[in-house]
C-alpha atoms as a PDB file:
ATOM      1  CA  UNK A   1      31.580  44.574   7.868  1.00  0.00           C
ATOM      2  CA  UNK A   2      30.990  41.839  10.429  1.00  0.00           C
ATOM      3  CA  UNK A   3      33.432  42.635  13.243  1.00  0.00           C
ATOM      4  CA  UNK A   4      33.112  40.829  16.522  1.00  0.00           C
ATOM      5  CA  UNK A   5      34.792  42.738  19.303  1.00  0.00           C
ATOM      6  CA  UNK A   6      36.210  39.543  20.804  1.00  0.00           C
ATOM      7  CA  UNK A   7      37.027  36.134  19.272  1.00  0.00           C
ATOM      8  CA  UNK A   8      34.030  33.881  18.711  1.00  0.00           C
ATOM      9  CA  UNK A   9      33.854  30.094  18.738  1.00  0.00           C
ATOM     10  CA  UNK A  10      31.453  29.981  15.786  1.00  0.00           C
ATOM     11  CA  UNK A  11      29.326  32.179  13.546  1.00  0.00           C
ATOM     12  CA  UNK A  12      26.773  30.585  11.211  1.00  0.00           C
ATOM     13  CA  UNK A  13      23.576  31.344   9.335  1.00  0.00           C
ATOM     14  CA  UNK A  14      24.233  35.053   8.780  1.00  0.00           C
ATOM     15  CA  UNK A  15      21.298  36.826   7.134  1.00  0.00           C
ATOM     16  CA  UNK A  16      21.297  40.414   5.867  1.00  0.00           C
ATOM     17  CA  UNK A  17      18.380  42.361   4.397  1.00  0.00           C
ATOM     18  CA  UNK A  18      18.769  45.721   2.651  1.00  0.00           C
ATOM     19  CA  UNK A  19      16.450  48.174   0.930  1.00  0.00           C
ATOM     20  CA  UNK A  20      17.313  51.613  -0.420  1.00  0.00           C
ATOM     21  CA  UNK A  21      14.689  54.338  -0.301  1.00  0.00           C
ATOM     22  CA  UNK A  22      14.397  57.046  -2.947  1.00  0.00           C
ATOM     23  CA  UNK A  23      15.766  59.677  -0.547  1.00  0.00           C
ATOM     24  CA  UNK A  24      19.062  57.800  -0.108  1.00  0.00           C
ATOM     25  CA  UNK A  25      18.313  56.146   3.235  1.00  0.00           C
ATOM     26  CA  UNK A  26      19.177  52.447   3.323  1.00  0.00           C
ATOM     27  CA  UNK A  27      17.464  49.954   5.588  1.00  0.00           C
ATOM     28  CA  UNK A  28      19.699  47.200   6.961  1.00  0.00           C
ATOM     29  CA  UNK A  29      18.695  44.166   9.032  1.00  0.00           C
ATOM     30  CA  UNK A  30      21.310  41.742  10.364  1.00  0.00           C
ATOM     31  CA  UNK A  31      21.013  38.413  12.180  1.00  0.00           C
ATOM     32  CA  UNK A  32      23.322  35.493  12.836  1.00  0.00           C
ATOM     33  CA  UNK A  33      23.779  32.480  15.096  1.00  0.00           C
ATOM     34  CA  UNK A  34      26.921  32.670  17.207  1.00  0.00           C
ATOM     35  CA  UNK A  35      28.778  31.150  20.133  1.00  0.00           C
ATOM     36  CA  UNK A  36      31.285  33.041  22.269  1.00  0.00           C
ATOM     37  CA  UNK A  37      33.160  32.232  25.475  1.00  0.00           C
ATOM     38  CA  UNK A  38      33.264  35.857  26.573  1.00  0.00           C
ATOM     39  CA  UNK A  39      31.284  39.083  26.408  1.00  0.00           C
ATOM     40  CA  UNK A  40      30.962  40.222  22.841  1.00  0.00           C
ATOM     41  CA  UNK A  41      29.579  42.861  20.511  1.00  0.00           C
ATOM     42  CA  UNK A  42      29.132  43.342  16.810  1.00  0.00           C
ATOM     43  CA  UNK A  43      30.343  46.436  14.959  1.00  0.00           C
ATOM     44  CA  UNK A  44      29.059  47.315  11.489  1.00  0.00           C
ATOM     45  CA  UNK A  45      30.956  50.048   9.589  1.00  0.00           C
ATOM     46  CA  UNK A  46      28.698  51.870   7.137  1.00  0.00           C
ATOM     47  CA  UNK A  47      29.235  54.200   4.155  1.00  0.00           C
ATOM     48  CA  UNK A  48      27.234  57.049   5.690  1.00  0.00           C
ATOM     49  CA  UNK A  49      26.697  60.256   3.754  1.00  0.00           C
ATOM     50  CA  UNK A  50      29.067  63.011   4.843  1.00  0.00           C
ATOM     51  CA  UNK A  51      29.106  64.948   7.041  1.00  0.00           C
ATOM     52  CA  UNK A  52      27.820  62.303   9.439  1.00  0.00           C
ATOM     53  CA  UNK A  53      26.146  63.172  12.736  1.00  0.00           C
ATOM     54  CA  UNK A  54      24.702  60.946  15.428  1.00  0.00           C
ATOM     55  CA  UNK A  55      21.398  62.806  15.226  1.00  0.00           C
ATOM     56  CA  UNK A  56      20.868  62.716  11.452  1.00  0.00           C
ATOM     57  CA  UNK A  57      22.812  59.803   9.942  1.00  0.00           C
ATOM     58  CA  UNK A  58      21.368  56.654  11.523  1.00  0.00           C
ATOM     59  CA  UNK A  59      18.097  55.612  13.148  1.00  0.00           C
ATOM     60  CA  UNK A  60      17.783  52.353  15.092  1.00  0.00           C
ATOM     61  CA  UNK A  61      14.684  50.172  14.737  1.00  0.00           C
ATOM     62  CA  UNK A  62      13.602  47.481  17.203  1.00  0.00           C
ATOM     63  CA  UNK A  63      12.499  44.235  15.582  1.00  0.00           C
ATOM     64  CA  UNK A  64      12.139  42.407  18.883  1.00  0.00           C
ATOM     65  CA  UNK A  65       8.502  41.808  17.950  1.00  0.00           C
ATOM     66  CA  UNK A  66       9.463  40.227  14.642  1.00  0.00           C
ATOM     67  CA  UNK A  67      12.053  37.599  15.534  1.00  0.00           C
ATOM     68  CA  UNK A  68      11.092  35.442  12.543  1.00  0.00           C
ATOM     69  CA  UNK A  69      11.807  38.246  10.062  1.00  0.00           C
ATOM     70  CA  UNK A  70      14.239  36.173   7.989  1.00  0.00           C
ATOM     71  CA  UNK A  71      12.189  32.990   8.294  1.00  0.00           C
ATOM     72  CA  UNK A  72       9.334  34.861   6.634  1.00  0.00           C
ATOM     73  CA  UNK A  73      11.602  36.225   3.886  1.00  0.00           C
ATOM     74  CA  UNK A  74      12.583  32.671   2.967  1.00  0.00           C
ATOM     75  CA  UNK A  75       8.921  31.732   2.557  1.00  0.00           C
ATOM     76  CA  UNK A  76       8.969  33.647  -0.693  1.00  0.00           C
ATOM     77  CA  UNK A  77      11.165  30.896  -2.144  1.00  0.00           C
ATOM     78  CA  UNK A  78       8.949  27.845  -1.582  1.00  0.00           C
ATOM     79  CA  UNK A  79      11.292  25.263  -3.077  1.00  0.00           C
ATOM     80  CA  UNK A  80      13.826  25.842  -0.312  1.00  0.00           C
ATOM     81  CA  UNK A  81      12.448  26.385   3.157  1.00  0.00           C
ATOM     82  CA  UNK A  82      14.774  27.306   6.002  1.00  0.00           C
ATOM     83  CA  UNK A  83      14.040  25.870   9.428  1.00  0.00           C
ATOM     84  CA  UNK A  84      14.716  28.269  12.264  1.00  0.00           C
ATOM     85  CA  UNK A  85      16.908  27.139  15.123  1.00  0.00           C
ATOM     86  CA  UNK A  86      15.908  27.718  18.742  1.00  0.00           C
ATOM     87  CA  UNK A  87      17.528  30.618  20.532  1.00  0.00           C
ATOM     88  CA  UNK A  88      19.892  29.331  23.208  1.00  0.00           C
ATOM     89  CA  UNK A  89      20.345  31.692  26.134  1.00  0.00           C
ATOM     90  CA  UNK A  90      23.465  31.993  28.203  1.00  0.00           C
ATOM     91  CA  UNK A  91      24.997  34.241  30.838  1.00  0.00           C
ATOM     92  CA  UNK A  92      24.733  38.033  30.697  1.00  0.00           C
ATOM     93  CA  UNK A  93      27.527  40.375  29.724  1.00  0.00           C
ATOM     94  CA  UNK A  94      28.814  43.849  30.526  1.00  0.00           C
ATOM     95  CA  UNK A  95      27.166  47.005  29.220  1.00  0.00           C
ATOM     96  CA  UNK A  96      27.666  50.553  28.052  1.00  0.00           C
ATOM     97  CA  UNK A  97      29.317  53.108  30.311  1.00  0.00           C
ATOM     98  CA  UNK A  98      26.977  55.495  32.045  1.00  0.00           C
ATOM     99  CA  UNK A  99      29.402  58.338  31.414  1.00  0.00           C
ATOM    100  CA  UNK A 100      29.787  57.819  27.664  1.00  0.00           C
ATOM    101  CA  UNK A 101      29.076  60.995  25.714  1.00  0.00           C
ATOM    102  CA  UNK A 102      27.788  59.033  22.741  1.00  0.00           C
ATOM    103  CA  UNK A 103      24.055  58.512  22.711  1.00  0.00           C
ATOM    104  CA  UNK A 104      22.972  55.121  24.002  1.00  0.00           C
ATOM    105  CA  UNK A 105      19.866  53.489  22.560  1.00  0.00           C
ATOM    106  CA  UNK A 106      17.761  50.611  23.818  1.00  0.00           C
ATOM    107  CA  UNK A 107      16.830  48.626  20.710  1.00  0.00           C
ATOM    108  CA  UNK A 108      14.862  45.558  21.746  1.00  0.00           C
ATOM    109  CA  UNK A 109      17.280  43.224  23.525  1.00  0.00           C
ATOM    110  CA  UNK A 110      20.292  45.287  22.439  1.00  0.00           C
ATOM    111  CA  UNK A 111      22.071  48.328  23.760  1.00  0.00           C
ATOM    112  CA  UNK A 112      23.398  50.198  20.747  1.00  0.00           C
ATOM    113  CA  UNK A 113      25.301  53.309  19.746  1.00  0.00           C
ATOM    114  CA  UNK A 114      26.221  55.057  16.528  1.00  0.00           C
ATOM    115  CA  UNK A 115      29.760  56.416  16.118  1.00  0.00           C
ATOM    116  CA  UNK A 116      29.472  58.950  13.253  1.00  0.00           C
ATOM    117  CA  UNK A 117      33.165  58.908  12.291  1.00  0.00           C
ATOM    118  CA  UNK A 118      36.487  57.700  13.616  1.00  0.00           C
ATOM    119  CA  UNK A 119      37.347  60.897  15.551  1.00  0.00           C
ATOM    120  CA  UNK A 120      34.110  60.411  17.500  1.00  0.00           C
ATOM    121  CA  UNK A 121      35.649  57.420  19.233  1.00  0.00           C
ATOM    122  CA  UNK A 122      37.237  60.134  21.385  1.00  0.00           C
ATOM    123  CA  UNK A 123      33.795  60.711  22.856  1.00  0.00           C
ATOM    124  CA  UNK A 124      34.179  57.390  24.625  1.00  0.00           C
ATOM    125  CA  UNK A 125      36.091  56.981  27.879  1.00  0.00           C
ATOM    126  CA  UNK A 126      39.850  56.876  27.294  1.00  0.00           C
ATOM    127  CA  UNK A 127      40.155  53.182  28.069  1.00  0.00           C
ATOM    128  CA  UNK A 128      37.651  52.396  25.314  1.00  0.00           C
ATOM    129  CA  UNK A 129      39.225  54.399  22.494  1.00  0.00           C
ATOM    130  CA  UNK A 130      40.956  52.968  19.443  1.00  0.00           C
ATOM    131  CA  UNK A 131      44.148  54.765  18.367  1.00  0.00           C
ATOM    132  CA  UNK A 132      43.778  56.809  15.186  1.00  0.00           C
ATOM    133  CA  UNK A 133      46.940  55.123  13.867  1.00  0.00           C
ATOM    134  CA  UNK A 134      45.089  51.815  13.817  1.00  0.00           C
ATOM    135  CA  UNK A 135      42.305  53.165  11.639  1.00  0.00           C
ATOM    136  CA  UNK A 136      44.852  54.816   9.334  1.00  0.00           C
ATOM    137  CA  UNK A 137      45.876  51.317   8.227  1.00  0.00           C
ATOM    138  CA  UNK A 138      42.281  50.610   7.129  1.00  0.00           C
ATOM    139  CA  UNK A 139      41.772  53.478   4.661  1.00  0.00           C
ATOM    140  CA  UNK A 140      38.473  52.318   3.164  1.00  0.00           C
ATOM    141  CA  UNK A 141      36.790  52.846   6.527  1.00  0.00           C
ATOM    142  CA  UNK A 142      38.514  56.147   7.314  1.00  0.00           C
ATOM    143  CA  UNK A 143      35.293  58.133   6.846  1.00  0.00           C
ATOM    144  CA  UNK A 144      32.702  55.459   7.633  1.00  0.00           C
ATOM    145  CA  UNK A 145      30.198  55.508  10.475  1.00  0.00           C
ATOM    146  CA  UNK A 146      29.801  52.605  12.898  1.00  0.00           C
ATOM    147  CA  UNK A 147      26.694  50.899  14.280  1.00  0.00           C
ATOM    148  CA  UNK A 148      27.584  49.026  17.472  1.00  0.00           C
ATOM    149  CA  UNK A 149      25.335  46.398  19.073  1.00  0.00           C
ATOM    150  CA  UNK A 150      26.183  44.820  22.408  1.00  0.00           C
ATOM    151  CA  UNK A 151      25.135  41.172  22.481  1.00  0.00           C
ATOM    152  CA  UNK A 152      23.080  40.245  25.512  1.00  0.00           C
ATOM    153  CA  UNK A 153      24.045  36.582  25.633  1.00  0.00           C
ATOM    154  CA  UNK A 154      27.092  34.457  24.963  1.00  0.00           C
ATOM    155  CA  UNK A 155      25.455  32.249  22.351  1.00  0.00           C
ATOM    156  CA  UNK A 156      22.332  31.743  20.333  1.00  0.00           C
ATOM    157  CA  UNK A 157      20.352  33.584  17.690  1.00  0.00           C
ATOM    158  CA  UNK A 158      19.358  37.059  18.896  1.00  0.00           C
ATOM    159  CA  UNK A 159      16.466  38.827  17.263  1.00  0.00           C
ATOM    160  CA  UNK A 160      17.378  40.829  14.139  1.00  0.00           C
ATOM    161  CA  UNK A 161      19.420  44.010  14.518  1.00  0.00           C
ATOM    162  CA  UNK A 162      17.835  46.748  12.426  1.00  0.00           C
ATOM    163  CA  UNK A 163      18.402  50.374  11.511  1.00  0.00           C
ATOM    164  CA  UNK A 164      18.468  52.699   8.547  1.00  0.00           C
ATOM    165  CA  UNK A 165      21.332  55.010   7.612  1.00  0.00           C
ATOM    166  CA  UNK A 166      21.826  57.871   5.181  1.00  0.00           C
ATOM    167  CA  UNK A 167      23.963  56.234   2.518  1.00  0.00           C
ATOM    168  CA  UNK A 168      26.511  58.037   0.348  1.00  0.00           C
ATOM    169  CA  UNK A 169      25.933  55.281  -2.226  1.00  0.00           C
ATOM    170  CA  UNK A 170      22.226  55.945  -2.547  1.00  0.00           C
ATOM    171  CA  UNK A 171      22.081  58.242  -5.565  1.00  0.00           C
ATOM    172  CA  UNK A 172      23.572  58.816  -8.997  1.00  0.00           C
ATOM    173  CA  UNK A 173      24.369  56.467 -11.852  1.00  0.00           C
ATOM    174  CA  UNK A 174      26.345  54.168  -9.554  1.00  0.00           C
ATOM    175  CA  UNK A 175      23.686  53.968  -6.826  1.00  0.00           C
ATOM    176  CA  UNK A 176      24.232  50.769  -4.854  1.00  0.00           C
ATOM    177  CA  UNK A 177      22.963  48.825  -1.887  1.00  0.00           C
ATOM    178  CA  UNK A 178      25.659  48.043   0.668  1.00  0.00           C
ATOM    179  CA  UNK A 179      26.012  44.713   2.496  1.00  0.00           C
ATOM    180  CA  UNK A 180      28.583  44.472   5.334  1.00  0.00           C
ATOM    181  CA  UNK A 181      30.069  41.025   4.732  1.00  0.00           C
ATOM    182  CA  UNK A 182      33.779  41.249   5.599  1.00  0.00           C
ATOM    183  CA  UNK A 183      34.745  38.929   8.453  1.00  0.00           C
ATOM    184  CA  UNK A 184      36.892  39.670  11.483  1.00  0.00           C
ATOM    185  CA  UNK A 185      35.905  36.907  13.882  1.00  0.00           C
ATOM    186  CA  UNK A 186      39.176  35.782  15.415  1.00  0.00           C
ATOM    187  CA  UNK A 187      41.184  38.970  15.713  1.00  0.00           C
ATOM    188  CA  UNK A 188      42.788  38.465  12.297  1.00  0.00           C
ATOM    189  CA  UNK A 189      41.974  39.464   8.746  1.00  0.00           C
ATOM    190  CA  UNK A 190      42.119  36.780   6.072  1.00  0.00           C
ATOM    191  CA  UNK A 191      42.068  37.259   2.291  1.00  0.00           C
ATOM    192  CA  UNK A 192      39.451  34.502   2.013  1.00  0.00           C
ATOM    193  CA  UNK A 193      36.900  33.371   4.576  1.00  0.00           C
ATOM    194  CA  UNK A 194      34.275  30.691   5.052  1.00  0.00           C
ATOM    195  CA  UNK A 195      30.935  32.291   4.219  1.00  0.00           C
ATOM    196  CA  UNK A 196      27.538  31.143   5.428  1.00  0.00           C
ATOM    197  CA  UNK A 197      25.590  34.215   4.335  1.00  0.00           C
ATOM    198  CA  UNK A 198      22.240  34.851   2.718  1.00  0.00           C
ATOM    199  CA  UNK A 199      21.606  38.323   1.314  1.00  0.00           C
ATOM    200  CA  UNK A 200      18.104  39.686   0.689  1.00  0.00           C
ATOM    201  CA  UNK A 201      17.307  42.947  -1.043  1.00  0.00           C
ATOM    202  CA  UNK A 202      14.399  44.948  -2.375  1.00  0.00           C
ATOM    203  CA  UNK A 203      14.667  47.417  -5.246  1.00  0.00           C
ATOM    204  CA  UNK A 204      12.311  48.321  -8.068  1.00  0.00           C
ATOM    205  CA  UNK A 205      15.083  48.119 -10.677  1.00  0.00           C
ATOM    206  CA  UNK A 206      15.573  44.409  -9.939  1.00  0.00           C
ATOM    207  CA  UNK A 207      11.817  43.839 -10.010  1.00  0.00           C
ATOM    208  CA  UNK A 208      11.631  45.383 -13.478  1.00  0.00           C
ATOM    209  CA  UNK A 209      14.694  43.568 -14.836  1.00  0.00           C
ATOM    210  CA  UNK A 210      14.077  40.030 -13.631  1.00  0.00           C
ATOM    211  CA  UNK A 211      12.077  37.394 -15.419  1.00  0.00           C
ATOM    212  CA  UNK A 212       9.522  34.944 -14.061  1.00  0.00           C
ATOM    213  CA  UNK A 213      10.060  32.883 -10.931  1.00  0.00           C
ATOM    214  CA  UNK A 214      11.671  29.627 -12.012  1.00  0.00           C
ATOM    215  CA  UNK A 215      11.218  26.527  -9.873  1.00  0.00           C
ATOM    216  CA  UNK A 216      12.919  23.446 -11.223  1.00  0.00           C
ATOM    217  CA  UNK A 217      15.144  20.985  -9.395  1.00  0.00           C
ATOM    218  CA  UNK A 218      16.588  24.085  -7.745  1.00  0.00           C
ATOM    219  CA  UNK A 219      15.868  27.794  -7.691  1.00  0.00           C
ATOM    220  CA  UNK A 220      17.296  29.560 -10.721  1.00  0.00           C
ATOM    221  CA  UNK A 221      19.384  32.719 -10.466  1.00  0.00           C
ATOM    222  CA  UNK A 222      18.083  35.465 -12.696  1.00  0.00           C
ATOM    223  CA  UNK A 223      20.769  36.416 -15.257  1.00  0.00           C
ATOM    224  CA  UNK A 224      19.797  40.098 -15.192  1.00  0.00           C
ATOM    225  CA  UNK A 225      20.365  40.551 -11.455  1.00  0.00           C
ATOM    226  CA  UNK A 226      22.494  37.654 -10.216  1.00  0.00           C
ATOM    227  CA  UNK A 227      19.888  36.998  -7.503  1.00  0.00           C
ATOM    228  CA  UNK A 228      16.910  34.641  -7.208  1.00  0.00           C
ATOM    229  CA  UNK A 229      13.594  36.505  -7.188  1.00  0.00           C
ATOM    230  CA  UNK A 230      10.756  35.609  -4.827  1.00  0.00           C
ATOM    231  CA  UNK A 231       7.660  33.965  -6.230  1.00  0.00           C
ATOM    232  CA  UNK A 232       5.351  36.696  -4.901  1.00  0.00           C
ATOM    233  CA  UNK A 233       5.431  40.260  -3.619  1.00  0.00           C
ATOM    234  CA  UNK A 234       6.592  40.525  -0.015  1.00  0.00           C
ATOM    235  CA  UNK A 235       3.125  41.231   1.415  1.00  0.00           C
ATOM    236  CA  UNK A 236       2.078  37.704   0.427  1.00  0.00           C
ATOM    237  CA  UNK A 237       4.521  36.012   2.824  1.00  0.00           C
ATOM    238  CA  UNK A 238       5.888  38.667   5.220  1.00  0.00           C
ATOM    239  CA  UNK A 239       4.259  40.484   8.128  1.00  0.00           C
ATOM    240  CA  UNK A 240       4.844  43.920   6.647  1.00  0.00           C
ATOM    241  CA  UNK A 241       3.256  45.810   9.559  1.00  0.00           C
ATOM    242  CA  UNK A 242       5.598  44.137  12.051  1.00  0.00           C
ATOM    243  CA  UNK A 243       8.645  45.235  10.031  1.00  0.00           C
ATOM    244  CA  UNK A 244       8.103  48.893  11.037  1.00  0.00           C
ATOM    245  CA  UNK A 245       8.641  50.246   7.566  1.00  0.00           C
ATOM    246  CA  UNK A 246      11.621  48.069   6.691  1.00  0.00           C
ATOM    247  CA  UNK A 247       9.844  45.886   4.116  1.00  0.00           C
ATOM    248  CA  UNK A 248       8.032  47.239   1.051  1.00  0.00           C
ATOM    249  CA  UNK A 249       5.035  44.947   0.790  1.00  0.00           C
ATOM    250  CA  UNK A 250       4.456  45.560  -2.913  1.00  0.00           C
ATOM    251  CA  UNK A 251       7.986  44.653  -4.032  1.00  0.00           C
ATOM    252  CA  UNK A 252       9.654  41.316  -4.663  1.00  0.00           C
ATOM    253  CA  UNK A 253      12.465  39.936  -2.510  1.00  0.00           C
ATOM    254  CA  UNK A 254      15.747  39.080  -4.248  1.00  0.00           C
ATOM    255  CA  UNK A 255      18.011  36.519  -2.569  1.00  0.00           C
ATOM    256  CA  UNK A 256      21.665  35.545  -2.938  1.00  0.00           C
ATOM    257  CA  UNK A 257      23.320  32.716  -1.033  1.00  0.00           C
ATOM    258  CA  UNK A 258      27.061  32.959  -0.336  1.00  0.00           C
ATOM    259  CA  UNK A 259      28.486  29.632   0.790  1.00  0.00           C
ATOM    260  CA  UNK A 260      32.020  28.277   1.084  1.00  0.00           C
ATOM    261  CA  UNK A 261      35.485  29.833   0.946  1.00  0.00           C
ATOM    262  CA  UNK A 262      35.066  33.240  -0.714  1.00  0.00           C
ATOM    263  CA  UNK A 263      36.978  36.481  -1.063  1.00  0.00           C
ATOM    264  CA  UNK A 264      36.708  38.432   2.179  1.00  0.00           C
ATOM    265  CA  UNK A 265      35.062  41.634   0.939  1.00  0.00           C
ATOM    266  CA  UNK A 266      31.921  43.676   1.400  1.00  0.00           C
ATOM    267  CA  UNK A 267      29.231  43.393  -1.265  1.00  0.00           C
ATOM    268  CA  UNK A 268      27.711  46.148  -3.374  1.00  0.00           C
ATOM    269  CA  UNK A 269      24.517  45.474  -5.315  1.00  0.00           C
ATOM    270  CA  UNK A 270      24.425  48.078  -8.083  1.00  0.00           C
ATOM    271  CA  UNK A 271      20.905  49.186  -8.933  1.00  0.00           C
ATOM    272  CA  UNK A 272      21.585  49.796 -12.631  1.00  0.00           C
ATOM    273  CA  UNK A 273      21.018  46.333 -14.076  1.00  0.00           C
ATOM    274  CA  UNK A 274      21.037  47.343 -17.729  1.00  0.00           C
ATOM    275  CA  UNK A 275      24.489  45.810 -18.164  1.00  0.00           C
ATOM    276  CA  UNK A 276      26.072  42.727 -16.714  1.00  0.00           C
ATOM    277  CA  UNK A 277      25.438  41.000 -13.404  1.00  0.00           C
ATOM    278  CA  UNK A 278      25.556  43.747 -10.783  1.00  0.00           C
ATOM    279  CA  UNK A 279      26.436  41.839  -7.632  1.00  0.00           C
ATOM    280  CA  UNK A 280      29.768  43.562  -7.086  1.00  0.00           C
ATOM    281  CA  UNK A 281      32.134  42.743  -4.239  1.00  0.00           C
ATOM    282  CA  UNK A 282      35.028  44.719  -5.652  1.00  0.00           C
ATOM    283  CA  UNK A 283      34.688  47.283  -2.881  1.00  0.00           C
ATOM    284  CA  UNK A 284      37.189  45.291  -0.761  1.00  0.00           C
ATOM    285  CA  UNK A 285      37.124  46.581   2.773  1.00  0.00           C
ATOM    286  CA  UNK A 286      40.844  47.174   3.047  1.00  0.00           C
ATOM    287  CA  UNK A 287      41.418  49.178  -0.109  1.00  0.00           C
ATOM    288  CA  UNK A 288      45.047  49.018  -1.216  1.00  0.00           C
ATOM    289  CA  UNK A 289      46.403  47.947   2.150  1.00  0.00           C
ATOM    290  CA  UNK A 290      47.697  44.390   2.149  1.00  0.00           C
ATOM    291  CA  UNK A 291      45.973  41.749   4.215  1.00  0.00           C
ATOM    292  CA  UNK A 292      49.259  41.240   6.041  1.00  0.00           C
ATOM    293  CA  UNK A 293      49.254  44.848   7.173  1.00  0.00           C
ATOM    294  CA  UNK A 294      45.586  44.673   8.076  1.00  0.00           C
ATOM    295  CA  UNK A 295      46.154  41.556  10.133  1.00  0.00           C
ATOM    296  CA  UNK A 296      48.924  43.360  11.985  1.00  0.00           C
ATOM    297  CA  UNK A 297      46.445  45.857  13.379  1.00  0.00           C
ATOM    298  CA  UNK A 298      43.601  43.421  13.922  1.00  0.00           C
ATOM    299  CA  UNK A 299      44.528  43.058  17.545  1.00  0.00           C
ATOM    300  CA  UNK A 300      43.959  46.777  17.961  1.00  0.00           C
ATOM    301  CA  UNK A 301      40.497  46.194  16.607  1.00  0.00           C
ATOM    302  CA  UNK A 302      39.697  43.958  19.567  1.00  0.00           C
ATOM    303  CA  UNK A 303      37.370  46.766  20.628  1.00  0.00           C
ATOM    304  CA  UNK A 304      38.397  46.575  24.263  1.00  0.00           C
ATOM    305  CA  UNK A 305      36.799  50.001  24.639  1.00  0.00           C
ATOM    306  CA  UNK A 306      33.433  48.348  24.399  1.00  0.00           C
ATOM    307  CA  UNK A 307      33.492  46.339  27.602  1.00  0.00           C
ATOM    308  CA  UNK A 308      33.050  46.851  31.340  1.00  0.00           C
ATOM    309  CA  UNK A 309      30.536  49.535  30.507  1.00  0.00           C
ATOM    310  CA  UNK A 310      27.588  49.670  32.915  1.00  0.00           C
ATOM    311  CA  UNK A 311      24.023  48.958  31.841  1.00  0.00           C
ATOM    312  CA  UNK A 312      22.833  52.299  33.054  1.00  0.00           C
ATOM    313  CA  UNK A 313      21.438  55.041  30.877  1.00  0.00           C
ATOM    314  CA  UNK A 314      21.365  58.403  32.638  1.00  0.00           C
ATOM    315  CA  UNK A 315      18.639  60.963  32.153  1.00  0.00           C
ATOM    316  CA  UNK A 316      20.945  63.060  29.997  1.00  0.00           C
ATOM    317  CA  UNK A 317      21.273  60.269  27.433  1.00  0.00           C
ATOM    318  CA  UNK A 318      18.760  59.642  24.694  1.00  0.00           C
ATOM    319  CA  UNK A 319      16.713  56.440  24.895  1.00  0.00           C
ATOM    320  CA  UNK A 320      15.220  55.724  21.488  1.00  0.00           C
ATOM    321  CA  UNK A 321      12.716  53.091  20.464  1.00  0.00           C
ATOM    322  CA  UNK A 322      12.117  54.171  16.907  1.00  0.00           C
ATOM    323  CA  UNK A 323       8.629  53.808  15.484  1.00  0.00           C
ATOM    324  CA  UNK A 324       7.639  54.306  11.871  1.00  0.00           C
END
């Protein structure tokens, strides 16, 4: 779920990469270009395996040394190259509170935290908490975890945000890869939103099911997966060593572009591709709650708890720069 803690003037060119490991841990990399008039942060709810803990459910990864991660992924689709846009810097913003009891991580240019479950918002200072009643109106996320990244600048294209989490969707006949794609950019929830997303995934089941790379007047979606496969294995066009274990160099990359006015839901890519097209967005981030009701609490999801926090990490807090 793409939640900005404050309204944003624009969000474009959102790219998400995901790969599920055999042990149920899912890699997720997220990057976008944005413009905001005020301090902002991005919050990504995640279907973490229960019970969730801040020590065992999510591990942050710094990709500050691989800012062109998504540019390289697109090189696997030579008919359509994507030109990167320069990163525009702007004024600094507020930071995490030094007295927060949640662990604070330095992840490249970001300061990040993982909130294992909704009750753990109580581990934040009182002025930063979100009332439980607000989350009760969003039942699909009632037992999700939350990765929170504070944005350093007010505009531009920050380096990719990366982590892996222990996914509850990572095993069984319905094993799926999760993409957080629901929009809350302006403090309201809309049934349909303007999408400018590109999804990338790696999984052996898609590699085995897809046909040959087809390059005609345009790239051809593979009917078995619903995605376009890369021409080569990832090691031929990506800097696998710089990805810190995120990319499997021997696997293909599968890409899906989402453009235009689309249903405002998260996306599940089911790994069993023996049946029909498995790109499944039926998850719907708001379950049975109406969008009217969800919009009524969107203001409470302004995440005011996230701001005026100091950029100071005390010795009692864990500073993690994860290496693989």
